[in-house]
């Protein structure tokens, strides 16, 4: 029996007759139909990893695609570490980062996991330059024990060393 809205000359089904289109309304599904007005009893076909232990578990998937599952891989996930593993998905806590591990050194590296004899505890330096540019270079390494306190007199002795490097500016020595 024909409905009153039926048009025999129509070339496109536009649902103006009130007919329902039964199908899958999930846009990621293989059997998705954008014209669906009511879900069918048959499920939408969504392929994905349905294994909850996988890193990319997909709760919406209705069909298991085991090849799409991503599994945990233990390794060092820190790109700055010497033993970085780009394919690791879970850090195993064994990243190797050489550096200064002595907390009282001026170049202490809290991220370092292995000492590499790079620790520095102080130095004597030569400064040179002008009012606009001040540079320095390390001239001698020296070990200092302890910390300066309010009664220490570091910097109270100054001496003009003359123009040692020939750049037209005198060098200054700073001492205790």
C-alpha atoms as a PDB file:
ATOM      1  CA  UNK A   1       0.000   0.000   0.000  1.00  0.00           C
ATOM      2  CA  UNK A   2       1.499   3.376  -1.006  1.00  0.00           C
ATOM      3  CA  UNK A   3       1.812   6.239   1.449  1.00  0.00           C
ATOM      4  CA  UNK A   4       0.406   9.647   0.660  1.00  0.00           C
ATOM      5  CA  UNK A   5       3.946  11.127   0.490  1.00  0.00           C
ATOM      6  CA  UNK A   6       4.997   8.650  -2.227  1.00  0.00           C
ATOM      7  CA  UNK A   7       6.345  10.299  -5.381  1.00  0.00           C
ATOM      8  CA  UNK A   8       6.779   7.915  -8.347  1.00  0.00           C
ATOM      9  CA  UNK A   9       9.081  10.423 -10.128  1.00  0.00           C
ATOM     10  CA  UNK A  10      11.574  10.649  -7.208  1.00  0.00           C
ATOM     11  CA  UNK A  11      15.129   9.538  -8.058  1.00  0.00           C
ATOM     12  CA  UNK A  12      16.670   9.922  -4.591  1.00  0.00           C
ATOM     13  CA  UNK A  13      15.412   8.331  -1.407  1.00  0.00           C
ATOM     14  CA  UNK A  14      15.330  11.263   1.006  1.00  0.00           C
ATOM     15  CA  UNK A  15      13.213   9.685   3.728  1.00  0.00           C
ATOM     16  CA  UNK A  16      10.368  12.136   3.038  1.00  0.00           C
ATOM     17  CA  UNK A  17       8.018   9.161   2.926  1.00  0.00           C
ATOM     18  CA  UNK A  18       8.771   8.517   6.572  1.00  0.00           C
ATOM     19  CA  UNK A  19      10.656   5.295   5.885  1.00  0.00           C
ATOM     20  CA  UNK A  20      13.294   4.342   8.409  1.00  0.00           C
ATOM     21  CA  UNK A  21      16.775   3.286   7.362  1.00  0.00           C
ATOM     22  CA  UNK A  22      18.025   0.603   9.694  1.00  0.00           C
ATOM     23  CA  UNK A  23      21.803   0.115   9.994  1.00  0.00           C
ATOM     24  CA  UNK A  24      24.950   1.151  11.804  1.00  0.00           C
ATOM     25  CA  UNK A  25      25.361   4.758  12.976  1.00  0.00           C
ATOM     26  CA  UNK A  26      28.935   4.521  14.321  1.00  0.00           C
ATOM     27  CA  UNK A  27      31.176   6.638  11.993  1.00  0.00           C
ATOM     28  CA  UNK A  28      34.262   4.406  12.512  1.00  0.00           C
ATOM     29  CA  UNK A  29      32.422   1.194  11.607  1.00  0.00           C
ATOM     30  CA  UNK A  30      33.010  -0.663   8.355  1.00  0.00           C
ATOM     31  CA  UNK A  31      29.246  -0.943   7.864  1.00  0.00           C
ATOM     32  CA  UNK A  32      28.493   2.705   8.739  1.00  0.00           C
ATOM     33  CA  UNK A  33      25.594   4.256   6.866  1.00  0.00           C
ATOM     34  CA  UNK A  34      25.204   8.019   7.136  1.00  0.00           C
ATOM     35  CA  UNK A  35      21.517   7.725   6.233  1.00  0.00           C
ATOM     36  CA  UNK A  36      20.710   5.360   9.089  1.00  0.00           C
ATOM     37  CA  UNK A  37      17.845   6.536  11.273  1.00  0.00           C
ATOM     38  CA  UNK A  38      17.668   3.515  13.618  1.00  0.00           C
ATOM     39  CA  UNK A  39      20.284   1.019  14.778  1.00  0.00           C
ATOM     40  CA  UNK A  40      19.878  -2.500  13.500  1.00  0.00           C
ATOM     41  CA  UNK A  41      20.018  -5.621  15.611  1.00  0.00           C
ATOM     42  CA  UNK A  42      23.223  -6.602  13.800  1.00  0.00           C
ATOM     43  CA  UNK A  43      26.249  -4.929  15.420  1.00  0.00           C
ATOM     44  CA  UNK A  44      28.410  -2.314  13.805  1.00  0.00           C
ATOM     45  CA  UNK A  45      31.674  -3.797  12.557  1.00  0.00           C
ATOM     46  CA  UNK A  46      34.523  -2.026  14.340  1.00  0.00           C
ATOM     47  CA  UNK A  47      37.896  -3.734  14.027  1.00  0.00           C
ATOM     48  CA  UNK A  48      40.445  -3.090  16.754  1.00  0.00           C
ATOM     49  CA  UNK A  49      42.349  -4.511  19.668  1.00  0.00           C
ATOM     50  CA  UNK A  50      39.849  -6.006  22.099  1.00  0.00           C
ATOM     51  CA  UNK A  51      42.474  -7.393  24.491  1.00  0.00           C
ATOM     52  CA  UNK A  52      42.437  -5.304  27.662  1.00  0.00           C
ATOM     53  CA  UNK A  53      46.117  -6.009  28.437  1.00  0.00           C
ATOM     54  CA  UNK A  54      47.239  -4.258  25.226  1.00  0.00           C
ATOM     55  CA  UNK A  55      48.290  -0.613  25.349  1.00  0.00           C
ATOM     56  CA  UNK A  56      45.781   0.308  22.643  1.00  0.00           C
ATOM     57  CA  UNK A  57      42.757  -1.592  23.984  1.00  0.00           C
ATOM     58  CA  UNK A  58      39.650  -0.387  22.121  1.00  0.00           C
ATOM     59  CA  UNK A  59      36.446  -0.767  24.139  1.00  0.00           C
ATOM     60  CA  UNK A  60      34.346   0.150  21.076  1.00  0.00           C
ATOM     61  CA  UNK A  61      35.809  -2.603  18.873  1.00  0.00           C
ATOM     62  CA  UNK A  62      33.458  -5.480  18.034  1.00  0.00           C
ATOM     63  CA  UNK A  63      35.897  -7.568  15.967  1.00  0.00           C
ATOM     64  CA  UNK A  64      39.350  -8.487  17.289  1.00  0.00           C
ATOM     65  CA  UNK A  65      42.263  -7.529  15.065  1.00  0.00           C
ATOM     66  CA  UNK A  66      45.193  -9.072  16.950  1.00  0.00           C
ATOM     67  CA  UNK A  67      47.722  -7.541  14.522  1.00  0.00           C
ATOM     68  CA  UNK A  68      46.670  -4.048  15.595  1.00  0.00           C
ATOM     69  CA  UNK A  69      47.415  -4.651  19.294  1.00  0.00           C
ATOM     70  CA  UNK A  70      50.395  -2.814  20.778  1.00  0.00           C
ATOM     71  CA  UNK A  71      52.125  -4.685  23.577  1.00  0.00           C
ATOM     72  CA  UNK A  72      54.185  -3.381  26.480  1.00  0.00           C
ATOM     73  CA  UNK A  73      57.929  -3.312  25.883  1.00  0.00           C
ATOM     74  CA  UNK A  74      60.178  -2.568  28.820  1.00  0.00           C
ATOM     75  CA  UNK A  75      63.244  -0.400  28.269  1.00  0.00           C
ATOM     76  CA  UNK A  76      64.737   3.047  28.781  1.00  0.00           C
ATOM     77  CA  UNK A  77      62.273   5.664  27.504  1.00  0.00           C
ATOM     78  CA  UNK A  78      64.437   8.754  28.176  1.00  0.00           C
ATOM     79  CA  UNK A  79      65.821  10.084  24.851  1.00  0.00           C
ATOM     80  CA  UNK A  80      68.701  11.793  26.677  1.00  0.00           C
ATOM     81  CA  UNK A  81      69.982   8.505  28.143  1.00  0.00           C
ATOM     82  CA  UNK A  82      72.855   6.541  26.591  1.00  0.00           C
ATOM     83  CA  UNK A  83      70.743   3.351  26.410  1.00  0.00           C
ATOM     84  CA  UNK A  84      67.514   4.923  25.096  1.00  0.00           C
ATOM     85  CA  UNK A  85      65.221   2.438  23.338  1.00  0.00           C
ATOM     86  CA  UNK A  86      62.862   4.158  20.909  1.00  0.00           C
ATOM     87  CA  UNK A  87      60.599   1.099  20.749  1.00  0.00           C
ATOM     88  CA  UNK A  88      60.163   0.864  24.549  1.00  0.00           C
ATOM     89  CA  UNK A  89      56.681   1.730  25.816  1.00  0.00           C
ATOM     90  CA  UNK A  90      57.248   1.322  29.574  1.00  0.00           C
ATOM     91  CA  UNK A  91      60.328   2.640  31.380  1.00  0.00           C
ATOM     92  CA  UNK A  92      62.243  -0.104  33.199  1.00  0.00           C
ATOM     93  CA  UNK A  93      64.114   2.300  35.493  1.00  0.00           C
ATOM     94  CA  UNK A  94      67.517   1.326  34.081  1.00  0.00           C
ATOM     95  CA  UNK A  95      68.344   4.368  31.958  1.00  0.00           C
ATOM     96  CA  UNK A  96      72.091   5.114  31.879  1.00  0.00           C
ATOM     97  CA  UNK A  97      72.902   8.809  32.195  1.00  0.00           C
ATOM     98  CA  UNK A  98      76.565   9.532  32.933  1.00  0.00           C
ATOM     99  CA  UNK A  99      77.316  12.785  34.728  1.00  0.00           C
ATOM    100  CA  UNK A 100      78.328  14.369  37.985  1.00  0.00           C
ATOM    101  CA  UNK A 101      76.575  12.539  40.839  1.00  0.00           C
ATOM    102  CA  UNK A 102      78.209  14.425  43.737  1.00  0.00           C
ATOM    103  CA  UNK A 103      75.610  16.828  45.135  1.00  0.00           C
ATOM    104  CA  UNK A 104      78.173  19.329  46.455  1.00  0.00           C
ATOM    105  CA  UNK A 105      79.776  19.862  43.023  1.00  0.00           C
ATOM    106  CA  UNK A 106      78.942  23.023  41.089  1.00  0.00           C
ATOM    107  CA  UNK A 107      77.921  20.941  38.066  1.00  0.00           C
ATOM    108  CA  UNK A 108      75.888  18.338  39.988  1.00  0.00           C
ATOM    109  CA  UNK A 109      73.404  16.604  37.672  1.00  0.00           C
ATOM    110  CA  UNK A 110      70.406  15.148  39.563  1.00  0.00           C
ATOM    111  CA  UNK A 111      69.432  13.176  36.434  1.00  0.00           C
ATOM    112  CA  UNK A 112      72.819  11.426  36.257  1.00  0.00           C
ATOM    113  CA  UNK A 113      72.768   7.738  37.208  1.00  0.00           C
ATOM    114  CA  UNK A 114      76.470   6.937  36.861  1.00  0.00           C
ATOM    115  CA  UNK A 115      79.508   9.051  37.844  1.00  0.00           C
ATOM    116  CA  UNK A 116      81.781  10.030  34.951  1.00  0.00           C
ATOM    117  CA  UNK A 117      84.504  12.034  36.766  1.00  0.00           C
ATOM    118  CA  UNK A 118      83.196  15.328  35.354  1.00  0.00           C
ATOM    119  CA  UNK A 119      82.423  16.908  38.749  1.00  0.00           C
ATOM    120  CA  UNK A 120      83.818  20.391  39.327  1.00  0.00           C
ATOM    121  CA  UNK A 121      84.208  21.926  42.738  1.00  0.00           C
ATOM    122  CA  UNK A 122      85.418  25.391  41.825  1.00  0.00           C
ATOM    123  CA  UNK A 123      87.974  27.108  39.653  1.00  0.00           C
ATOM    124  CA  UNK A 124      90.135  30.150  39.324  1.00  0.00           C
ATOM    125  CA  UNK A 125      89.178  32.177  36.290  1.00  0.00           C
ATOM    126  CA  UNK A 126      90.502  35.011  34.204  1.00  0.00           C
ATOM    127  CA  UNK A 127      87.967  37.632  33.259  1.00  0.00           C
ATOM    128  CA  UNK A 128      88.422  40.038  30.436  1.00  0.00           C
ATOM    129  CA  UNK A 129      86.385  42.356  28.281  1.00  0.00           C
ATOM    130  CA  UNK A 130      84.795  45.782  28.278  1.00  0.00           C
ATOM    131  CA  UNK A 131      81.763  47.386  29.894  1.00  0.00           C
ATOM    132  CA  UNK A 132      79.577  45.929  27.131  1.00  0.00           C
ATOM    133  CA  UNK A 133      81.054  42.426  26.965  1.00  0.00           C
ATOM    134  CA  UNK A 134      82.476  40.437  29.850  1.00  0.00           C
ATOM    135  CA  UNK A 135      83.995  37.010  29.170  1.00  0.00           C
ATOM    136  CA  UNK A 136      85.958  34.516  31.191  1.00  0.00           C
ATOM    137  CA  UNK A 137      88.086  31.455  30.716  1.00  0.00           C
ATOM    138  CA  UNK A 138      89.079  28.839  33.228  1.00  0.00           C
ATOM    139  CA  UNK A 139      92.808  28.963  33.932  1.00  0.00           C
ATOM    140  CA  UNK A 140      93.167  26.585  36.855  1.00  0.00           C
ATOM    141  CA  UNK A 141      91.041  24.021  38.625  1.00  0.00           C
ATOM    142  CA  UNK A 142      91.046  24.121  42.377  1.00  0.00           C
ATOM    143  CA  UNK A 143      89.241  22.067  44.981  1.00  0.00           C
ATOM    144  CA  UNK A 144      87.379  23.982  47.663  1.00  0.00           C
ATOM    145  CA  UNK A 145      86.121  22.391  50.848  1.00  0.00           C
ATOM    146  CA  UNK A 146      82.997  23.671  52.551  1.00  0.00           C
ATOM    147  CA  UNK A 147      80.918  26.739  51.928  1.00  0.00           C
ATOM    148  CA  UNK A 148      81.606  30.449  52.355  1.00  0.00           C
ATOM    149  CA  UNK A 149      79.994  32.029  55.386  1.00  0.00           C
ATOM    150  CA  UNK A 150      79.420  35.614  56.464  1.00  0.00           C
ATOM    151  CA  UNK A 151      82.952  36.001  57.915  1.00  0.00           C
ATOM    152  CA  UNK A 152      84.809  34.766  54.816  1.00  0.00           C
ATOM    153  CA  UNK A 153      86.556  37.453  52.812  1.00  0.00           C
ATOM    154  CA  UNK A 154      86.547  36.067  49.265  1.00  0.00           C
ATOM    155  CA  UNK A 155      86.730  38.965  46.803  1.00  0.00           C
ATOM    156  CA  UNK A 156      88.210  41.470  49.243  1.00  0.00           C
ATOM    157  CA  UNK A 157      91.608  41.415  47.489  1.00  0.00           C
ATOM    158  CA  UNK A 158      91.741  42.820  43.949  1.00  0.00           C
ATOM    159  CA  UNK A 159      94.730  43.310  41.678  1.00  0.00           C
ATOM    160  CA  UNK A 160      95.125  44.855  38.242  1.00  0.00           C
ATOM    161  CA  UNK A 161      97.106  42.366  36.140  1.00  0.00           C
ATOM    162  CA  UNK A 162      97.502  44.628  33.137  1.00  0.00           C
ATOM    163  CA  UNK A 163      96.592  43.661  29.585  1.00  0.00           C
ATOM    164  CA  UNK A 164      97.683  40.003  29.596  1.00  0.00           C
ATOM    165  CA  UNK A 165      95.962  38.915  26.402  1.00  0.00           C
ATOM    166  CA  UNK A 166      96.657  42.032  24.315  1.00  0.00           C
ATOM    167  CA  UNK A 167      93.010  42.937  23.713  1.00  0.00           C
ATOM    168  CA  UNK A 168      93.391  46.498  25.006  1.00  0.00           C
ATOM    169  CA  UNK A 169      91.595  45.825  28.312  1.00  0.00           C
ATOM    170  CA  UNK A 170      93.311  45.143  31.658  1.00  0.00           C
ATOM    171  CA  UNK A 171      92.635  41.885  33.506  1.00  0.00           C
ATOM    172  CA  UNK A 172      91.575  41.827  37.151  1.00  0.00           C
ATOM    173  CA  UNK A 173      92.567  39.191  39.752  1.00  0.00           C
ATOM    174  CA  UNK A 174      90.117  38.560  42.583  1.00  0.00           C
ATOM    175  CA  UNK A 175      91.190  36.813  45.773  1.00  0.00           C
ATOM    176  CA  UNK A 176      90.525  36.520  49.473  1.00  0.00           C
END
